[in-house]
Amino acid sequence: MVLILSGTGDGRKITRALIQKSYPVSVIASTSYGRELAVEDGAALVGDGLPADVDTLIKDLGIRVVVDARHPFNRQDEESLIKTCSEQNIIYLRVGREETSIASSELVHQVHSMAEAAEKAVTLGKTIFLTTGSNDLEHFINLQKKHDIRLVVRVLPEHRVIKKCQDLGIKPRDIVAMQGPFSKQINKALFKMYRASVVVTKDSGKAGGTDTKVDAALSLKIPVVIVKRLHNLHNREYGWQEVLKLLLNKLPLQKNGRDRHEQ
């Protein structure tokens, strides 16, 4: 059995490819939409997050491979998961993305945390357009009144996410609920519509639309704050195609049903 921690399009590509080849796949998805897609693809849905007792989950499901295809910035419990897989002789594969290649510009400001991004953004403009989702909004909320800034957030169109924004005091007119990634043209239109004076993004790679966000902002002469990724230097990251190659060609998985030891 392959367990996929899915939070990106890469995770879904791996899930669908394995299921098409009749590999047994279980999925833990990070959003309700992701869970709907996993069921639609024919995967066994485990839950909406890693349980505290991940050891038991792995044993109960007969997991032989864990594919961590969560968002590049989602490193929650990664170290403990790697440790658990090592102790149980489970293969752990982290899906990574290439970092965005960005031309040098005085409008581009690279930071290494959301807290640092908030502190930098408030020095660059009064209308901050956040394209980083609903996580870590608190860093910006804490500075909003102090610096008299307008905060516009682009988030997933999910009830839980929108409620969080409203609970934090973000007004409906400043919530852009849309499913990305977006083209350069759409980003430009939104930045202009909301009169953004600074754009904040995470470096989620080309697959996450970072390049089109940056291109759109720079074309409008809007400064951009980019949160760079922190990598786990002790664990290699694979492209989703590499993961598929390993799983389909090299790992001794029993196809067409359950793994051999479960039969």
C-alpha atoms as a PDB file:
ATOM      1  CA  MET A   1       0.000   0.000   0.000  1.00  0.00           C
ATOM      2  CA  VAL A   2       1.195   3.491  -0.909  1.00  0.00           C
ATOM      3  CA  LEU A   3       0.197   6.360   1.391  1.00  0.00           C
ATOM      4  CA  ILE A   4       0.149   9.770  -0.300  1.00  0.00           C
ATOM      5  CA  LEU A   5       0.080  12.965   1.722  1.00  0.00           C
ATOM      6  CA  SER A   6      -1.512  15.139  -0.904  1.00  0.00           C
ATOM      7  CA  GLY A   7      -1.742  18.916  -0.935  1.00  0.00           C
ATOM      8  CA  THR A   8      -0.632  19.805  -4.460  1.00  0.00           C
ATOM      9  CA  GLY A   9      -1.423  18.997  -8.072  1.00  0.00           C
ATOM     10  CA  ASP A  10       1.712  16.841  -8.059  1.00  0.00           C
ATOM     11  CA  GLY A  11       0.170  14.617  -5.415  1.00  0.00           C
ATOM     12  CA  ARG A  12      -2.927  14.130  -7.507  1.00  0.00           C
ATOM     13  CA  LYS A  13      -0.883  13.275 -10.598  1.00  0.00           C
ATOM     14  CA  ILE A  14       0.917  10.549  -8.659  1.00  0.00           C
ATOM     15  CA  THR A  15      -2.325   9.260  -7.164  1.00  0.00           C
ATOM     16  CA  ARG A  16      -4.092   9.004 -10.512  1.00  0.00           C
ATOM     17  CA  ALA A  17      -1.135   7.387 -12.262  1.00  0.00           C
ATOM     18  CA  LEU A  18      -0.780   4.714  -9.584  1.00  0.00           C
ATOM     19  CA  ILE A  19      -4.490   3.950  -9.506  1.00  0.00           C
ATOM     20  CA  GLN A  20      -4.543   3.645 -13.291  1.00  0.00           C
ATOM     21  CA  LYS A  21      -1.810   1.016 -12.900  1.00  0.00           C
ATOM     22  CA  SER A  22      -3.920  -0.775 -10.243  1.00  0.00           C
ATOM     23  CA  TYR A  23      -1.624   0.062  -7.331  1.00  0.00           C
ATOM     24  CA  PRO A  24      -3.351   0.257  -3.912  1.00  0.00           C
ATOM     25  CA  VAL A  25      -3.330   3.895  -2.796  1.00  0.00           C
ATOM     26  CA  SER A  26      -4.495   5.653   0.360  1.00  0.00           C
ATOM     27  CA  VAL A  27      -4.586   9.449   0.563  1.00  0.00           C
ATOM     28  CA  ILE A  28      -4.468  12.000   3.348  1.00  0.00           C
ATOM     29  CA  ALA A  29      -5.538  15.332   1.818  1.00  0.00           C
ATOM     30  CA  SER A  30      -5.104  18.731   3.422  1.00  0.00           C
ATOM     31  CA  THR A  31      -8.354  20.329   2.188  1.00  0.00           C
ATOM     32  CA  SER A  32     -11.959  19.245   1.704  1.00  0.00           C
ATOM     33  CA  TYR A  33     -11.546  19.862  -2.017  1.00  0.00           C
ATOM     34  CA  GLY A  34      -8.471  17.633  -2.040  1.00  0.00           C
ATOM     35  CA  ARG A  35     -10.423  14.901  -0.290  1.00  0.00           C
ATOM     36  CA  GLU A  36     -13.189  15.144  -2.885  1.00  0.00           C
ATOM     37  CA  LEU A  37     -10.626  14.777  -5.676  1.00  0.00           C
ATOM     38  CA  ALA A  38      -8.985  11.789  -3.978  1.00  0.00           C
ATOM     39  CA  VAL A  39     -12.314   9.958  -3.762  1.00  0.00           C
ATOM     40  CA  GLU A  40     -13.108  10.948  -7.343  1.00  0.00           C
ATOM     41  CA  ASP A  41      -9.789   9.440  -8.452  1.00  0.00           C
ATOM     42  CA  GLY A  42     -10.562   6.152  -6.702  1.00  0.00           C
ATOM     43  CA  ALA A  43      -8.145   6.380  -3.779  1.00  0.00           C
ATOM     44  CA  ALA A  44      -8.938   5.211  -0.278  1.00  0.00           C
ATOM     45  CA  LEU A  45      -9.379   8.323   1.867  1.00  0.00           C
ATOM     46  CA  VAL A  46      -7.661   8.112   5.252  1.00  0.00           C
ATOM     47  CA  GLY A  47      -8.324  11.530   6.767  1.00  0.00           C
ATOM     48  CA  ASP A  48      -7.647  15.251   6.686  1.00  0.00           C
ATOM     49  CA  GLY A  49      -4.275  15.230   8.411  1.00  0.00           C
ATOM     50  CA  LEU A  50      -1.588  13.065   9.947  1.00  0.00           C
ATOM     51  CA  PRO A  51      -2.863  11.449  13.156  1.00  0.00           C
ATOM     52  CA  ALA A  52      -0.864  11.772  16.351  1.00  0.00           C
ATOM     53  CA  ASP A  53      -0.264   8.027  16.312  1.00  0.00           C
ATOM     54  CA  VAL A  54       1.121   7.736  12.790  1.00  0.00           C
ATOM     55  CA  ASP A  55       2.898   4.473  13.769  1.00  0.00           C
ATOM     56  CA  THR A  56      -0.433   2.721  14.213  1.00  0.00           C
ATOM     57  CA  LEU A  57      -1.822   4.127  10.976  1.00  0.00           C
ATOM     58  CA  ILE A  58       1.131   2.813   8.979  1.00  0.00           C
ATOM     59  CA  LYS A  59       0.896  -0.630  10.580  1.00  0.00           C
ATOM     60  CA  ASP A  60      -2.888  -0.916  10.289  1.00  0.00           C
ATOM     61  CA  LEU A  61      -2.889  -0.004   6.594  1.00  0.00           C
ATOM     62  CA  GLY A  62       0.169  -2.084   5.744  1.00  0.00           C
ATOM     63  CA  ILE A  63       1.906   0.971   4.309  1.00  0.00           C
ATOM     64  CA  ARG A  64       5.145   0.221   2.486  1.00  0.00           C
ATOM     65  CA  VAL A  65       5.761   3.622   0.900  1.00  0.00           C
ATOM     66  CA  VAL A  66       4.924   7.158   2.068  1.00  0.00           C
ATOM     67  CA  VAL A  67       4.868   9.857  -0.614  1.00  0.00           C
ATOM     68  CA  ASP A  68       4.889  13.323   0.929  1.00  0.00           C
ATOM     69  CA  ALA A  69       3.363  15.536  -1.755  1.00  0.00           C
ATOM     70  CA  ARG A  70       2.200  18.320   0.529  1.00  0.00           C
ATOM     71  CA  HIS A  71       2.780  21.975  -0.265  1.00  0.00           C
ATOM     72  CA  PRO A  72       6.502  22.852  -0.298  1.00  0.00           C
ATOM     73  CA  PHE A  73       5.952  25.079   2.751  1.00  0.00           C
ATOM     74  CA  ASN A  74       4.076  22.412   4.701  1.00  0.00           C
ATOM     75  CA  ARG A  75       6.804  20.770   6.779  1.00  0.00           C
ATOM     76  CA  GLN A  76       4.579  19.900   9.708  1.00  0.00           C
ATOM     77  CA  ASP A  77       5.677  16.679  11.443  1.00  0.00           C
ATOM     78  CA  GLU A  78       8.108  15.935   8.616  1.00  0.00           C
ATOM     79  CA  GLU A  79      11.029  15.024  10.857  1.00  0.00           C
ATOM     80  CA  SER A  80       8.969  12.689  13.034  1.00  0.00           C
ATOM     81  CA  LEU A  81       7.410  11.092   9.944  1.00  0.00           C
ATOM     82  CA  ILE A  82      10.840  10.439   8.426  1.00  0.00           C
ATOM     83  CA  LYS A  83      11.964   8.927  11.739  1.00  0.00           C
ATOM     84  CA  THR A  84       8.894   6.675  11.912  1.00  0.00           C
ATOM     85  CA  CYS A  85       9.381   5.465   8.336  1.00  0.00           C
ATOM     86  CA  SER A  86      13.053   4.742   9.001  1.00  0.00           C
ATOM     87  CA  GLU A  87      12.272   2.760  12.147  1.00  0.00           C
ATOM     88  CA  GLN A  88       9.629   0.679  10.365  1.00  0.00           C
ATOM     89  CA  ASN A  89      11.693   0.201   7.185  1.00  0.00           C
ATOM     90  CA  ILE A  90       9.137   2.215   5.196  1.00  0.00           C
ATOM     91  CA  ILE A  91      10.242   4.100   2.095  1.00  0.00           C
ATOM     92  CA  TYR A  92       9.700   7.861   2.429  1.00  0.00           C
ATOM     93  CA  LEU A  93       9.741  10.069  -0.679  1.00  0.00           C
ATOM     94  CA  ARG A  94       9.334  13.830  -0.482  1.00  0.00           C
ATOM     95  CA  VAL A  95       8.002  15.520  -3.625  1.00  0.00           C
ATOM     96  CA  GLY A  96       9.776  18.803  -4.287  1.00  0.00           C
ATOM     97  CA  ARG A  97       9.649  21.618  -6.795  1.00  0.00           C
ATOM     98  CA  GLU A  98      12.329  23.697  -8.403  1.00  0.00           C
ATOM     99  CA  GLU A  99      12.629  27.167  -6.958  1.00  0.00           C
ATOM    100  CA  THR A 100      11.479  30.033  -9.139  1.00  0.00           C
ATOM    101  CA  SER A 101      14.136  31.737 -11.222  1.00  0.00           C
ATOM    102  CA  ILE A 102      13.653  35.455 -10.715  1.00  0.00           C
ATOM    103  CA  ALA A 103      15.623  38.176 -12.450  1.00  0.00           C
ATOM    104  CA  SER A 104      17.387  40.627 -10.171  1.00  0.00           C
ATOM    105  CA  SER A 105      15.258  43.697  -9.488  1.00  0.00           C
ATOM    106  CA  GLU A 106      15.112  46.412  -6.859  1.00  0.00           C
ATOM    107  CA  LEU A 107      11.395  45.636  -6.630  1.00  0.00           C
ATOM    108  CA  VAL A 108      11.994  42.046  -5.478  1.00  0.00           C
ATOM    109  CA  HIS A 109      12.589  41.427  -1.782  1.00  0.00           C
ATOM    110  CA  GLN A 110      13.430  37.899  -0.648  1.00  0.00           C
ATOM    111  CA  VAL A 111      12.759  36.818   2.954  1.00  0.00           C
ATOM    112  CA  HIS A 112      12.735  33.502   4.813  1.00  0.00           C
ATOM    113  CA  SER A 113       9.611  33.569   6.963  1.00  0.00           C
ATOM    114  CA  MET A 114       6.085  34.941   6.938  1.00  0.00           C
ATOM    115  CA  ALA A 115       6.867  37.073   9.980  1.00  0.00           C
ATOM    116  CA  GLU A 116       9.746  38.654   8.082  1.00  0.00           C
ATOM    117  CA  ALA A 117       7.500  39.070   5.024  1.00  0.00           C
ATOM    118  CA  ALA A 118       4.925  40.995   7.059  1.00  0.00           C
ATOM    119  CA  GLU A 119       7.541  43.303   8.541  1.00  0.00           C
ATOM    120  CA  LYS A 120       8.987  44.011   5.096  1.00  0.00           C
ATOM    121  CA  ALA A 121       5.655  44.444   3.313  1.00  0.00           C
ATOM    122  CA  VAL A 122       4.414  47.195   5.631  1.00  0.00           C
ATOM    123  CA  THR A 123       7.463  49.283   4.710  1.00  0.00           C
ATOM    124  CA  LEU A 124       6.702  49.031   0.986  1.00  0.00           C
ATOM    125  CA  GLY A 125       3.048  50.014   0.642  1.00  0.00           C
ATOM    126  CA  LYS A 126      -0.321  50.616   2.237  1.00  0.00           C
ATOM    127  CA  THR A 127      -2.325  47.998   0.318  1.00  0.00           C
ATOM    128  CA  ILE A 128      -0.817  44.550   0.745  1.00  0.00           C
ATOM    129  CA  PHE A 129      -2.091  41.864  -1.610  1.00  0.00           C
ATOM    130  CA  LEU A 130      -1.450  38.471  -0.034  1.00  0.00           C
ATOM    131  CA  THR A 131      -1.270  35.487  -2.407  1.00  0.00           C
ATOM    132  CA  THR A 132      -0.049  33.112   0.311  1.00  0.00           C
ATOM    133  CA  GLY A 133      -3.354  31.555   1.344  1.00  0.00           C
ATOM    134  CA  SER A 134      -4.914  31.511   4.799  1.00  0.00           C
ATOM    135  CA  ASN A 135      -1.954  30.215   6.782  1.00  0.00           C
ATOM    136  CA  ASP A 136       0.077  32.712   8.805  1.00  0.00           C
ATOM    137  CA  LEU A 137      -2.383  35.558   8.287  1.00  0.00           C
ATOM    138  CA  GLU A 138      -1.908  36.496  11.919  1.00  0.00           C
ATOM    139  CA  HIS A 139       1.512  38.026  11.192  1.00  0.00           C
ATOM    140  CA  PHE A 140      -0.134  40.594   8.924  1.00  0.00           C
ATOM    141  CA  ILE A 141      -3.226  41.125  11.085  1.00  0.00           C
ATOM    142  CA  ASN A 142      -1.006  42.028  14.030  1.00  0.00           C
ATOM    143  CA  LEU A 143       0.588  44.819  11.985  1.00  0.00           C
ATOM    144  CA  GLN A 144      -2.550  46.004  10.218  1.00  0.00           C
ATOM    145  CA  LYS A 145      -3.806  48.543  12.752  1.00  0.00           C
ATOM    146  CA  LYS A 146      -0.359  49.632  13.870  1.00  0.00           C
ATOM    147  CA  HIS A 147       0.639  50.598  10.334  1.00  0.00           C
ATOM    148  CA  ASP A 148      -2.839  51.512   9.000  1.00  0.00           C
ATOM    149  CA  ILE A 149      -2.626  49.127   6.051  1.00  0.00           C
ATOM    150  CA  ARG A 150      -5.266  47.515   3.881  1.00  0.00           C
ATOM    151  CA  LEU A 151      -4.902  43.754   3.663  1.00  0.00           C
ATOM    152  CA  VAL A 152      -6.310  41.941   0.607  1.00  0.00           C
ATOM    153  CA  VAL A 153      -6.115  38.142   0.763  1.00  0.00           C
ATOM    154  CA  ARG A 154      -6.512  35.637  -2.049  1.00  0.00           C
ATOM    155  CA  VAL A 155      -7.579  32.282  -0.635  1.00  0.00           C
ATOM    156  CA  LEU A 156      -9.275  29.034  -1.595  1.00  0.00           C
ATOM    157  CA  PRO A 157     -13.076  29.291  -1.948  1.00  0.00           C
ATOM    158  CA  GLU A 158     -13.727  27.025   1.036  1.00  0.00           C
ATOM    159  CA  HIS A 159     -16.052  27.831   3.925  1.00  0.00           C
ATOM    160  CA  ARG A 160     -13.435  27.017   6.584  1.00  0.00           C
ATOM    161  CA  VAL A 161     -10.866  29.295   4.969  1.00  0.00           C
ATOM    162  CA  ILE A 162     -13.224  32.208   4.377  1.00  0.00           C
ATOM    163  CA  LYS A 163     -14.569  31.930   7.934  1.00  0.00           C
ATOM    164  CA  LYS A 164     -11.023  32.132   9.301  1.00  0.00           C
ATOM    165  CA  CYS A 165     -10.433  35.330   7.328  1.00  0.00           C
ATOM    166  CA  GLN A 166     -13.660  36.871   8.591  1.00  0.00           C
ATOM    167  CA  ASP A 167     -12.956  35.786  12.162  1.00  0.00           C
ATOM    168  CA  LEU A 168      -9.634  37.631  11.906  1.00  0.00           C
ATOM    169  CA  GLY A 169     -11.503  40.782  10.924  1.00  0.00           C
ATOM    170  CA  ILE A 170     -10.839  40.801   7.175  1.00  0.00           C
ATOM    171  CA  LYS A 171     -13.785  42.391   5.428  1.00  0.00           C
ATOM    172  CA  PRO A 172     -15.618  40.560   2.593  1.00  0.00           C
ATOM    173  CA  ARG A 173     -14.512  43.210   0.081  1.00  0.00           C
ATOM    174  CA  ASP A 174     -10.895  42.287   0.833  1.00  0.00           C
ATOM    175  CA  ILE A 175     -11.309  38.514   0.417  1.00  0.00           C
ATOM    176  CA  VAL A 176     -10.645  37.126  -3.064  1.00  0.00           C
ATOM    177  CA  ALA A 177     -11.868  33.514  -3.024  1.00  0.00           C
ATOM    178  CA  MET A 178     -10.497  31.799  -6.131  1.00  0.00           C
ATOM    179  CA  GLN A 179      -8.883  28.506  -7.077  1.00  0.00           C
ATOM    180  CA  GLY A 180      -5.441  28.943  -8.679  1.00  0.00           C
ATOM    181  CA  PRO A 181      -2.914  28.891 -10.140  1.00  0.00           C
ATOM    182  CA  PHE A 182      -3.521  31.998 -12.248  1.00  0.00           C
ATOM    183  CA  SER A 183      -2.149  33.412 -15.470  1.00  0.00           C
ATOM    184  CA  LYS A 184      -0.122  36.610 -15.605  1.00  0.00           C
ATOM    185  CA  GLN A 185      -3.124  38.392 -17.126  1.00  0.00           C
ATOM    186  CA  ILE A 186      -5.477  37.404 -14.294  1.00  0.00           C
ATOM    187  CA  ASN A 187      -2.916  38.380 -11.674  1.00  0.00           C
ATOM    188  CA  LYS A 188      -2.414  41.771 -13.321  1.00  0.00           C
ATOM    189  CA  ALA A 189      -6.148  42.380 -13.452  1.00  0.00           C
ATOM    190  CA  LEU A 190      -6.577  41.546  -9.759  1.00  0.00           C
ATOM    191  CA  PHE A 191      -3.570  43.585  -8.627  1.00  0.00           C
ATOM    192  CA  LYS A 192      -4.895  46.583 -10.574  1.00  0.00           C
ATOM    193  CA  MET A 193      -8.482  46.075  -9.407  1.00  0.00           C
ATOM    194  CA  TYR A 194      -7.475  46.089  -5.743  1.00  0.00           C
ATOM    195  CA  ARG A 195      -4.850  48.800  -6.254  1.00  0.00           C
ATOM    196  CA  ALA A 196      -2.145  46.671  -4.699  1.00  0.00           C
ATOM    197  CA  SER A 197       0.931  48.601  -3.635  1.00  0.00           C
ATOM    198  CA  VAL A 198       2.869  45.483  -2.614  1.00  0.00           C
ATOM    199  CA  VAL A 199       2.395  41.774  -3.395  1.00  0.00           C
ATOM    200  CA  VAL A 200       3.415  38.976  -1.041  1.00  0.00           C
ATOM    201  CA  THR A 201       3.957  35.428  -2.310  1.00  0.00           C
ATOM    202  CA  LYS A 202       5.678  32.216  -1.334  1.00  0.00           C
ATOM    203  CA  ASP A 203       8.145  30.580  -3.691  1.00  0.00           C
ATOM    204  CA  SER A 204       5.937  27.613  -4.533  1.00  0.00           C
ATOM    205  CA  GLY A 205       7.638  27.069  -7.880  1.00  0.00           C
ATOM    206  CA  LYS A 206       6.213  27.329 -11.363  1.00  0.00           C
ATOM    207  CA  ALA A 207       3.556  24.738 -10.549  1.00  0.00           C
ATOM    208  CA  GLY A 208       2.294  27.051  -7.825  1.00  0.00           C
ATOM    209  CA  GLY A 209       2.181  30.040 -10.161  1.00  0.00           C
ATOM    210  CA  THR A 210       4.950  32.016  -8.472  1.00  0.00           C
ATOM    211  CA  ASP A 211       6.442  33.103 -11.792  1.00  0.00           C
ATOM    212  CA  THR A 212       3.180  34.579 -13.102  1.00  0.00           C
ATOM    213  CA  LYS A 213       2.559  36.449  -9.836  1.00  0.00           C
ATOM    214  CA  VAL A 214       6.003  38.006  -9.908  1.00  0.00           C
ATOM    215  CA  ASP A 215       5.832  38.812 -13.631  1.00  0.00           C
ATOM    216  CA  ALA A 216       2.433  40.452 -13.195  1.00  0.00           C
ATOM    217  CA  ALA A 217       3.562  42.559 -10.241  1.00  0.00           C
ATOM    218  CA  LEU A 218       6.801  43.695 -11.878  1.00  0.00           C
ATOM    219  CA  SER A 219       4.995  44.612 -15.089  1.00  0.00           C
ATOM    220  CA  LEU A 220       2.905  47.002 -12.960  1.00  0.00           C
ATOM    221  CA  LYS A 221       5.982  48.271 -11.075  1.00  0.00           C
ATOM    222  CA  ILE A 222       4.632  46.809  -7.832  1.00  0.00           C
ATOM    223  CA  PRO A 223       7.210  45.589  -5.281  1.00  0.00           C
ATOM    224  CA  VAL A 224       7.103  41.884  -4.421  1.00  0.00           C
ATOM    225  CA  VAL A 225       8.022  40.167  -1.173  1.00  0.00           C
ATOM    226  CA  ILE A 226       8.913  36.504  -1.773  1.00  0.00           C
ATOM    227  CA  VAL A 227       9.150  34.013   1.055  1.00  0.00           C
ATOM    228  CA  LYS A 228      11.856  31.508   0.148  1.00  0.00           C
ATOM    229  CA  ARG A 229      11.680  27.863   1.188  1.00  0.00           C
ATOM    230  CA  LEU A 230      13.542  26.181   3.983  1.00  0.00           C
ATOM    231  CA  HIS A 231      14.773  22.800   2.788  1.00  0.00           C
ATOM    232  CA  ASN A 232      15.342  19.639   4.764  1.00  0.00           C
ATOM    233  CA  LEU A 233      19.035  19.227   4.066  1.00  0.00           C
ATOM    234  CA  HIS A 234      19.016  15.640   5.337  1.00  0.00           C
ATOM    235  CA  ASN A 235      16.410  14.311   2.940  1.00  0.00           C
ATOM    236  CA  ARG A 236      16.381  14.361  -0.848  1.00  0.00           C
ATOM    237  CA  GLU A 237      13.403  15.775  -2.708  1.00  0.00           C
ATOM    238  CA  TYR A 238      12.087  14.243  -5.939  1.00  0.00           C
ATOM    239  CA  GLY A 239      10.083  15.582  -8.858  1.00  0.00           C
ATOM    240  CA  TRP A 240       6.708  13.900  -9.208  1.00  0.00           C
ATOM    241  CA  GLN A 241       7.865  12.143 -12.376  1.00  0.00           C
ATOM    242  CA  GLU A 242      10.856  10.719 -10.478  1.00  0.00           C
ATOM    243  CA  VAL A 243       8.551   9.417  -7.764  1.00  0.00           C
ATOM    244  CA  LEU A 244       6.378   7.667 -10.327  1.00  0.00           C
ATOM    245  CA  LYS A 245       9.401   6.105 -11.984  1.00  0.00           C
ATOM    246  CA  LEU A 246      10.600   4.732  -8.664  1.00  0.00           C
ATOM    247  CA  LEU A 247       7.199   3.391  -7.687  1.00  0.00           C
ATOM    248  CA  LEU A 248       6.301   1.864 -11.032  1.00  0.00           C
ATOM    249  CA  ASN A 249       9.666   0.424 -12.013  1.00  0.00           C
ATOM    250  CA  LYS A 250      11.734  -0.259  -8.943  1.00  0.00           C
ATOM    251  CA  LEU A 251       9.620  -0.917  -5.866  1.00  0.00           C
ATOM    252  CA  PRO A 252       8.319  -4.463  -5.237  1.00  0.00           C
ATOM    253  CA  LEU A 253       4.660  -3.588  -4.887  1.00  0.00           C
ATOM    254  CA  GLN A 254       1.931  -6.105  -5.576  1.00  0.00           C
ATOM    255  CA  LYS A 255      -0.494  -4.647  -8.086  1.00  0.00           C
ATOM    256  CA  ASN A 256      -4.160  -5.503  -8.740  1.00  0.00           C
ATOM    257  CA  GLY A 257      -5.336  -5.384  -5.183  1.00  0.00           C
ATOM    258  CA  ARG A 258      -3.635  -5.457  -1.832  1.00  0.00           C
ATOM    259  CA  ASP A 259       0.018  -5.927  -1.106  1.00  0.00           C
ATOM    260  CA  ARG A 260       1.103  -9.528  -0.915  1.00  0.00           C
ATOM    261  CA  HIS A 261       1.438  -9.596   2.868  1.00  0.00           C
ATOM    262  CA  GLU A 262      -2.160  -8.397   3.276  1.00  0.00           C
ATOM    263  CA  GLN A 263      -3.703 -11.215   1.261  1.00  0.00           C
END
